[in-house]
Amino acid sequence: MNERLPRSMRAVVYRGANDLRVEELPVPRIGSNELLVKVGVCGVCPTDIKKIHYATVPPPRVFGHETAGTIVKVGARVKGWQIGDRVALHHHVPCLDCHFCRHKAFAQCPTYKKTGITAGFEPAGGGYAEYVRVMSFVLPGVVKVPKGNSLVEGALLEPVNTVLKGVRQLHLLPNDVALVAGQGPIGLMFTRLLTLQGVRVIASDLAPHRLEIARAHGAVAGLIANSPGFPEQVMKMTGKRGLDAAVLAVPSDEALKQAQTLLRGGGELLLFAHTKRGAVTDIDLSNVCVDEKALLGSYSSDVTLQKEVARLVFSRRLDVRALVTHRFPLERTADAVALAAKPTADSLKVVVDVNGETTNSH
C-alpha cells in the first residue's frame, strides 16, 4: 500500500547564475514503472556548482545528483522494490546497446546523457528537493542501503563510482607509483582506491592538513604542490624513473604540465577535473608521441561498477563518512554550494541534509 503523500514539497530551484531559491513545487507524479523517493541526503558536486556559477544550462532546474533516500511510492509495474527501502540513486544509466556502449564509452551514450531523476522542470538530478521521481531507465542504477549504513554513505556512491571509473582507466601494477594532485574529497577517494590496489600514492595539495588526511587514506608521502624542490622529491621517490601515473583531481594548468614532465616513458596522465569547455593549454606533443606518455580523460560514472562501489563503501574499505565535514539543511543549500565552491581550511565534502537524517549542521 502506497503512503499518503503531500501535494507540495520544498525544493531549491536554480533561477539563473548563482541564483538558488527555496520554493514550493508539486510532489512529482510517477508512472507505472517508476519510483518516488523521499530524499534524505544529497551531496554537493563540483559539476553542479559549475552549472550554477556559470549558468551553462537554462533555468529553471532542481540540481543535486548525489542522492539517497527512502522509497515512498512504487509504480505498479516495478519489481524488486518496496515502500520503506532505503536507496542510493544513480541519475545516468546507459542503454548498453549503442555504438558507444559497445565500446564501453558509456558517458557518451545518448541515453546516458539524459538525466533520469527529477523533482520537476527539466530533469537535473532533483536531489535538492524533498521528493524525486526515478524514471524507469535509471532503475538499474538504484542500490539498497544496508541497515548498518547511513544515507550519507549511500549518497556518496555516485562520486566514488566516478573515481573508480577513473582508476580503471589506468594500467597500474602493485608497487607502481602514482601522483594524485589535489586532496579534496575526490582526490582523497583516488588516494584511497589506488592504495587499495597496492599502488604507492604521492599526494599533493596546497594545504598541509589535507596531506595529513591523505596519509591517513594510505598515501606514502604528501608534498606541498608548489614547494621548492617538488619535482626533485617526486623523482627521488620513483628511483629517478618517473611516475607510472598522475591523476589531476584539480583543474590546474600548472599541475598538468608539471605532471607530464614527471611521468616516466609510457606513463599515464589522467585528467579528472578539466570539465570547463574551452579550456586550452600548451603541451609538448613529443611527450605523447616519442615518450609514449598517454593523456587520458575520465568523466562521470559507470553503472556497471555500481555493485563493486557499493561493496567498497558499505564495507567501509573506503570509509566516506570521514570525508563529510559540513552538513546544511535544505533551506541553506545556497550556503552549501558556496562553501563547496570555495572550500575553507577545514572543509571537505559538503552535503545537504534534506529531510533531517544528519544532525550536525553548520
Protein backbone atom coordinates (compact mmCIF):
# COMPACT_ATOMS: atom_id res chain seq x y z
CA MET A 1 0.00 0.00 0.00
CA ASN A 2 1.39 3.37 -1.00
CA GLU A 3 1.97 6.03 1.66
CA ARG A 4 -0.25 9.10 1.72
CA LEU A 5 1.84 11.92 0.32
CA PRO A 6 1.65 15.71 0.48
CA ARG A 7 0.73 17.59 -2.67
CA SER A 8 3.61 20.05 -2.41
CA MET A 9 7.21 19.99 -1.28
CA ARG A 10 10.17 22.26 -0.66
CA ALA A 11 12.75 22.45 -3.41
CA VAL A 12 15.78 24.62 -4.17
CA VAL A 13 15.25 25.99 -7.65
CA TYR A 14 18.03 27.29 -9.89
CA ARG A 15 16.75 30.54 -11.44
CA GLY A 16 19.95 31.81 -13.06
CA ALA A 17 23.64 32.33 -12.37
CA ASN A 18 24.25 31.93 -8.61
CA ASP A 19 20.51 32.28 -8.02
CA LEU A 20 19.09 29.45 -5.90
CA ARG A 21 15.67 29.89 -4.29
CA VAL A 22 13.68 27.75 -1.87
CA GLU A 23 10.26 27.29 -3.46
CA GLU A 24 7.14 25.15 -3.15
CA LEU A 25 6.73 22.68 -6.01
CA PRO A 26 4.24 19.88 -6.64
CA VAL A 27 5.39 16.47 -5.46
CA PRO A 28 6.32 14.64 -8.69
CA ARG A 29 3.89 12.12 -10.10
CA ILE A 30 5.29 8.79 -11.18
CA GLY A 31 4.43 6.33 -13.93
CA SER A 32 3.73 2.64 -13.55
CA ASN A 33 7.39 1.70 -14.00
CA GLU A 34 8.91 4.42 -11.82
CA LEU A 35 9.72 5.14 -8.16
CA LEU A 36 9.09 8.11 -5.88
CA VAL A 37 11.84 8.63 -3.32
CA LYS A 38 11.83 10.89 -0.28
CA VAL A 39 15.28 12.44 -0.32
CA GLY A 40 17.34 12.10 2.84
CA VAL A 41 20.77 13.39 1.84
CA CYS A 42 22.27 14.94 -1.28
CA GLY A 43 25.95 15.70 -1.79
CA VAL A 44 27.16 18.92 -3.40
CA CYS A 45 29.05 18.12 -6.61
CA PRO A 46 31.51 20.41 -8.44
CA THR A 47 29.75 19.64 -11.73
CA ASP A 48 26.52 21.20 -10.46
CA ILE A 49 28.46 24.09 -8.91
CA LYS A 50 29.88 24.99 -12.32
CA LYS A 51 26.43 24.89 -13.92
CA ILE A 52 25.06 27.16 -11.19
CA HIS A 53 28.01 29.56 -11.20
CA TYR A 54 28.45 29.89 -14.96
CA ALA A 55 24.77 29.42 -15.92
CA THR A 56 25.75 26.84 -18.52
CA VAL A 57 22.20 25.46 -18.66
CA PRO A 58 18.93 27.40 -18.83
CA PRO A 59 16.76 27.72 -15.70
CA PRO A 60 14.58 26.63 -14.00
CA ARG A 61 16.00 23.36 -12.70
CA VAL A 62 16.44 21.49 -9.44
CA PHE A 63 20.01 20.23 -9.18
CA GLY A 64 21.54 17.60 -6.92
CA HIS A 65 22.51 14.13 -8.11
CA GLU A 66 24.46 12.55 -5.25
CA THR A 67 21.23 11.36 -3.72
CA ALA A 68 19.97 8.81 -1.21
CA GLY A 69 16.58 8.47 0.43
CA THR A 70 13.60 6.25 1.14
CA ILE A 71 11.11 4.83 -1.36
CA VAL A 72 7.62 6.16 -0.62
CA LYS A 73 5.77 5.08 -3.77
CA VAL A 74 6.29 2.20 -6.18
CA GLY A 75 4.86 2.07 -9.69
CA ALA A 76 2.55 -0.89 -10.35
CA ARG A 77 4.94 -2.48 -12.86
CA VAL A 78 8.12 -2.07 -10.80
CA LYS A 79 9.58 -5.30 -9.43
CA GLY A 80 12.10 -5.77 -6.66
CA TRP A 81 11.46 -2.58 -4.70
CA GLN A 82 9.02 -1.72 -1.94
CA ILE A 83 7.97 1.22 0.19
CA GLY A 84 10.42 1.80 3.02
CA ASP A 85 13.52 0.62 1.16
CA ARG A 86 16.45 2.97 1.77
CA VAL A 87 18.21 3.51 -1.54
CA ALA A 88 21.09 5.24 -3.28
CA LEU A 89 20.18 6.64 -6.69
CA HIS A 90 22.08 6.82 -9.97
CA HIS A 91 20.88 9.54 -12.33
CA HIS A 92 22.69 8.43 -15.51
CA VAL A 93 22.35 4.91 -16.93
CA PRO A 94 23.42 3.97 -20.49
CA CYS A 95 21.43 1.85 -22.92
CA LEU A 96 24.25 -0.76 -23.06
CA ASP A 97 23.39 -1.42 -26.72
CA CYS A 98 24.52 1.54 -28.85
CA HIS A 99 27.87 2.02 -30.62
CA PHE A 100 29.29 3.99 -27.67
CA CYS A 101 28.19 1.38 -25.15
CA ARG A 102 29.68 -1.45 -27.20
CA HIS A 103 32.98 0.41 -26.86
CA LYS A 104 32.31 0.97 -23.12
CA ALA A 105 32.23 4.74 -23.67
CA PHE A 106 29.12 4.88 -21.51
CA ALA A 107 29.28 8.61 -20.75
CA GLN A 108 28.95 9.32 -24.49
CA CYS A 109 25.77 7.20 -24.88
CA PRO A 110 22.74 9.33 -25.89
CA THR A 111 20.59 7.57 -23.28
CA TYR A 112 23.25 8.12 -20.63
CA LYS A 113 23.28 11.84 -21.38
CA LYS A 114 19.62 12.00 -20.36
CA THR A 115 19.04 12.61 -16.66
CA GLY A 116 16.64 10.05 -15.23
CA ILE A 117 15.83 11.66 -11.89
CA THR A 118 13.82 14.84 -11.42
CA ALA A 119 11.99 16.96 -8.88
CA GLY A 120 10.30 18.96 -11.62
CA PHE A 121 11.24 21.11 -14.62
CA GLU A 122 13.97 19.84 -16.97
CA PRO A 123 15.44 16.73 -15.29
CA ALA A 124 18.63 17.74 -13.47
CA GLY A 125 19.00 15.29 -10.59
CA GLY A 126 16.46 16.82 -8.23
CA GLY A 127 18.28 15.96 -5.02
CA TYR A 128 17.85 19.48 -3.62
CA ALA A 129 14.16 18.73 -3.09
CA GLU A 130 12.13 16.66 -0.66
CA TYR A 131 10.96 14.14 -3.27
CA VAL A 132 12.31 12.88 -6.59
CA ARG A 133 10.85 10.84 -9.41
CA VAL A 134 13.11 7.99 -10.52
CA MET A 135 12.47 7.09 -14.16
CA SER A 136 12.42 3.55 -15.49
CA PHE A 137 15.64 3.68 -17.49
CA VAL A 138 17.76 4.51 -14.42
CA LEU A 139 16.25 1.84 -12.15
CA PRO A 140 19.21 -0.50 -12.86
CA GLY A 141 21.39 2.02 -11.00
CA VAL A 142 19.34 2.02 -7.79
CA VAL A 143 21.13 0.34 -4.87
CA LYS A 144 19.70 -0.65 -1.50
CA VAL A 145 21.41 0.94 1.52
CA PRO A 146 22.00 -1.73 4.21
CA LYS A 147 20.60 -1.24 7.71
CA GLY A 148 24.03 -0.68 9.21
CA ASN A 149 24.91 2.12 6.80
CA SER A 150 23.79 5.74 6.61
CA LEU A 151 22.11 7.60 3.78
CA VAL A 152 25.22 9.80 3.67
CA GLU A 153 27.18 6.72 2.61
CA GLY A 154 24.50 5.94 0.04
CA ALA A 155 24.64 9.46 -1.39
CA LEU A 156 28.39 9.23 -1.88
CA LEU A 157 28.23 6.08 -4.00
CA GLU A 158 27.93 8.33 -7.06
CA PRO A 159 31.20 10.26 -6.63
CA VAL A 160 33.02 7.08 -5.59
CA ASN A 161 31.74 5.47 -8.79
CA THR A 162 33.22 8.27 -10.88
CA VAL A 163 36.57 7.86 -9.14
CA LEU A 164 36.65 4.08 -9.53
CA LYS A 165 35.88 4.55 -13.22
CA GLY A 166 38.91 6.84 -13.45
CA VAL A 167 41.12 4.36 -11.60
CA ARG A 168 40.10 1.66 -14.06
CA GLN A 169 41.37 3.81 -16.93
CA LEU A 170 44.90 3.40 -15.60
CA HIS A 171 47.10 0.37 -16.21
CA LEU A 172 48.88 0.14 -12.88
CA LEU A 173 50.59 -2.74 -11.09
CA PRO A 174 51.15 -3.24 -7.36
CA ASN A 175 54.03 -1.07 -6.09
CA ASP A 176 53.73 1.33 -9.03
CA VAL A 177 53.94 4.98 -8.03
CA ALA A 178 51.16 7.46 -8.80
CA LEU A 179 50.79 11.14 -8.03
CA VAL A 180 47.33 12.38 -7.04
CA ALA A 181 47.26 16.16 -7.42
CA GLY A 182 44.60 17.76 -5.23
CA GLN A 183 43.40 16.22 -1.97
CA GLY A 184 39.84 17.42 -1.79
CA PRO A 185 37.10 14.78 -1.45
CA ILE A 186 37.68 13.41 -4.97
CA GLY A 187 41.46 13.38 -4.65
CA LEU A 188 41.22 11.58 -1.31
CA MET A 189 38.96 8.97 -2.89
CA PHE A 190 41.56 8.45 -5.62
CA THR A 191 44.28 8.15 -2.99
CA ARG A 192 42.36 5.50 -1.08
CA LEU A 193 41.23 3.45 -4.09
CA LEU A 194 44.69 3.42 -5.64
CA THR A 195 46.18 2.40 -2.29
CA LEU A 196 43.71 -0.49 -2.10
CA GLN A 197 45.14 -1.65 -5.45
CA GLY A 198 48.64 -1.74 -3.99
CA VAL A 199 49.75 1.46 -5.72
CA ARG A 200 52.11 3.76 -3.82
CA VAL A 201 50.48 7.18 -3.85
CA ILE A 202 52.25 10.51 -3.60
CA ALA A 203 49.63 13.08 -2.61
CA SER A 204 50.00 16.77 -3.40
CA ASP A 205 47.98 19.77 -2.30
CA LEU A 206 48.46 23.36 -1.22
CA ALA A 207 47.02 22.69 2.27
CA PRO A 208 49.27 20.81 4.73
CA HIS A 209 46.33 19.46 6.77
CA ARG A 210 44.89 17.79 3.66
CA LEU A 211 48.17 15.99 3.17
CA GLU A 212 47.83 14.61 6.70
CA ILE A 213 44.38 13.29 5.77
CA ALA A 214 45.83 11.83 2.57
CA ARG A 215 48.42 9.90 4.59
CA ALA A 216 45.59 8.55 6.74
CA HIS A 217 43.98 7.34 3.49
CA GLY A 218 47.13 5.47 2.53
CA ALA A 219 49.42 7.95 0.76
CA VAL A 220 53.09 7.10 1.24
CA ALA A 221 54.04 10.78 1.01
CA GLY A 222 52.43 14.19 0.99
CA LEU A 223 54.01 17.14 -0.79
CA ILE A 224 53.05 20.80 -0.94
CA ALA A 225 52.24 21.26 -4.61
CA ASN A 226 54.18 24.46 -5.28
CA SER A 227 57.04 23.87 -2.86
CA PRO A 228 60.67 24.31 -3.96
CA GLY A 229 62.19 21.02 -4.97
CA PHE A 230 58.84 19.33 -5.63
CA PRO A 231 59.95 17.71 -8.92
CA GLU A 232 63.21 16.51 -7.39
CA GLN A 233 61.35 14.94 -4.44
CA VAL A 234 58.99 13.08 -6.77
CA MET A 235 61.82 11.79 -8.93
CA LYS A 236 63.74 10.63 -5.85
CA MET A 237 60.69 8.67 -4.66
CA THR A 238 60.45 6.89 -8.01
CA GLY A 239 64.13 5.94 -8.14
CA LYS A 240 64.60 8.64 -10.80
CA ARG A 241 62.44 6.60 -13.19
CA GLY A 242 59.43 8.90 -13.08
CA LEU A 243 55.79 8.41 -12.16
CA ASP A 244 53.85 5.46 -13.51
CA ALA A 245 50.72 7.63 -13.44
CA ALA A 246 49.44 11.01 -12.36
CA VAL A 247 45.84 11.91 -11.58
CA LEU A 248 44.75 15.54 -11.73
CA ALA A 249 41.86 15.99 -9.32
CA VAL A 250 42.19 19.77 -9.73
CA PRO A 251 41.82 21.77 -12.97
CA SER A 252 45.30 23.26 -12.74
CA ASP A 253 47.23 24.05 -15.91
CA GLU A 254 50.48 24.26 -13.97
CA ALA A 255 49.87 20.87 -12.34
CA LEU A 256 49.11 19.35 -15.75
CA LYS A 257 52.39 20.49 -17.29
CA GLN A 258 54.41 19.52 -14.25
CA ALA A 259 52.81 16.08 -14.01
CA GLN A 260 53.51 15.35 -17.66
CA THR A 261 57.20 16.09 -17.22
CA LEU A 262 57.34 13.85 -14.13
CA LEU A 263 55.84 10.81 -15.87
CA ARG A 264 58.14 8.01 -16.95
CA GLY A 265 58.14 6.99 -20.59
CA GLY A 266 54.90 5.12 -21.22
CA GLY A 267 53.29 6.62 -18.10
CA GLU A 268 49.69 7.81 -17.93
CA LEU A 269 48.21 11.22 -17.09
CA LEU A 270 44.52 11.17 -16.13
CA LEU A 271 42.52 14.40 -16.33
CA PHE A 272 39.54 14.26 -13.98
CA ALA A 273 38.69 17.88 -13.18
CA HIS A 274 39.09 19.68 -16.52
CA THR A 275 35.36 19.88 -17.29
CA LYS A 276 35.02 23.50 -18.41
CA ARG A 277 34.58 23.77 -22.18
CA GLY A 278 37.10 25.99 -23.95
CA ALA A 279 39.98 25.35 -21.55
CA VAL A 280 43.22 25.14 -23.54
CA THR A 281 46.87 24.59 -22.70
CA ASP A 282 50.26 24.19 -24.38
CA ILE A 283 51.95 20.82 -24.04
CA ASP A 284 54.95 19.25 -25.73
CA LEU A 285 53.34 16.70 -28.04
CA SER A 286 56.60 14.80 -28.40
CA ASN A 287 55.98 13.66 -24.82
CA VAL A 288 52.90 11.86 -26.11
CA CYS A 289 54.36 10.59 -29.38
CA VAL A 290 58.04 9.88 -28.73
CA ASP A 291 57.90 9.23 -24.97
CA GLU A 292 54.55 7.43 -25.27
CA LYS A 293 53.06 9.26 -22.32
CA ALA A 294 49.31 8.69 -22.51
CA LEU A 295 46.92 11.58 -21.92
CA LEU A 296 43.60 10.22 -20.65
CA GLY A 297 40.27 11.65 -19.59
CA SER A 298 37.52 10.29 -17.38
CA TYR A 299 34.10 11.84 -16.90
CA SER A 300 31.08 10.83 -14.86
CA SER A 301 30.16 7.34 -13.72
CA ASP A 302 29.81 3.76 -14.92
CA VAL A 303 26.70 1.90 -13.77
CA THR A 304 28.40 -1.46 -14.40
CA LEU A 305 30.69 -0.63 -11.46
CA GLN A 306 27.83 0.19 -9.10
CA LYS A 307 27.76 -3.13 -7.23
CA GLU A 308 31.51 -3.04 -6.68
CA VAL A 309 31.28 0.57 -5.50
CA ALA A 310 28.52 -0.40 -3.05
CA ARG A 311 30.72 -3.17 -1.62
CA LEU A 312 33.65 -0.79 -1.16
CA VAL A 313 31.58 1.90 0.55
CA PHE A 314 29.19 -0.20 2.62
CA SER A 315 32.03 -2.45 3.86
CA ARG A 316 33.89 0.77 4.70
CA ARG A 317 37.07 -0.33 2.97
CA LEU A 318 36.56 3.18 1.62
CA ASP A 319 35.03 4.99 4.59
CA VAL A 320 33.40 8.05 3.05
CA ARG A 321 31.99 9.21 6.39
CA ALA A 322 35.35 10.74 7.28
CA LEU A 323 35.19 12.95 4.19
CA VAL A 324 31.96 14.72 5.19
CA THR A 325 32.81 17.84 7.18
CA HIS A 326 29.79 20.10 6.64
CA ARG A 327 26.05 19.43 6.58
CA PHE A 328 23.40 22.01 5.77
CA PRO A 329 19.60 21.91 5.91
CA LEU A 330 17.71 22.22 2.62
CA GLU A 331 16.94 25.91 3.23
CA ARG A 332 20.67 26.63 3.26
CA THR A 333 21.57 24.82 0.06
CA ALA A 334 22.93 28.07 -1.41
CA ASP A 335 25.36 28.27 1.54
CA ALA A 336 26.35 24.64 0.99
CA VAL A 337 27.07 25.32 -2.68
CA ALA A 338 29.06 28.45 -1.81
CA LEU A 339 31.22 26.56 0.69
CA ALA A 340 31.86 23.69 -1.71
CA ALA A 341 32.80 26.20 -4.42
CA LYS A 342 35.29 27.96 -2.14
CA PRO A 343 36.47 25.46 0.48
CA THR A 344 37.77 26.67 3.82
CA ALA A 345 40.74 25.29 5.73
CA ASP A 346 38.55 22.73 7.49
CA SER A 347 36.07 21.78 4.76
CA LEU A 348 36.00 18.68 2.58
CA LYS A 349 32.75 17.08 1.43
CA VAL A 350 29.61 19.16 1.84
CA VAL A 351 26.15 17.58 1.92
CA VAL A 352 22.58 18.85 2.12
CA ASP A 353 20.50 17.19 4.82
CA VAL A 354 17.16 17.36 3.04
CA ASN A 355 14.90 15.53 5.46
CA GLY A 356 16.72 15.55 8.76
CA GLU A 357 18.77 12.34 8.75
CA THR A 358 22.01 14.01 9.83
CA THR A 359 22.34 16.06 12.98
CA ASN A 360 25.35 18.38 12.79
CA SER A 361 24.55 21.41 10.62
CA HIS A 362 26.96 24.28 10.01
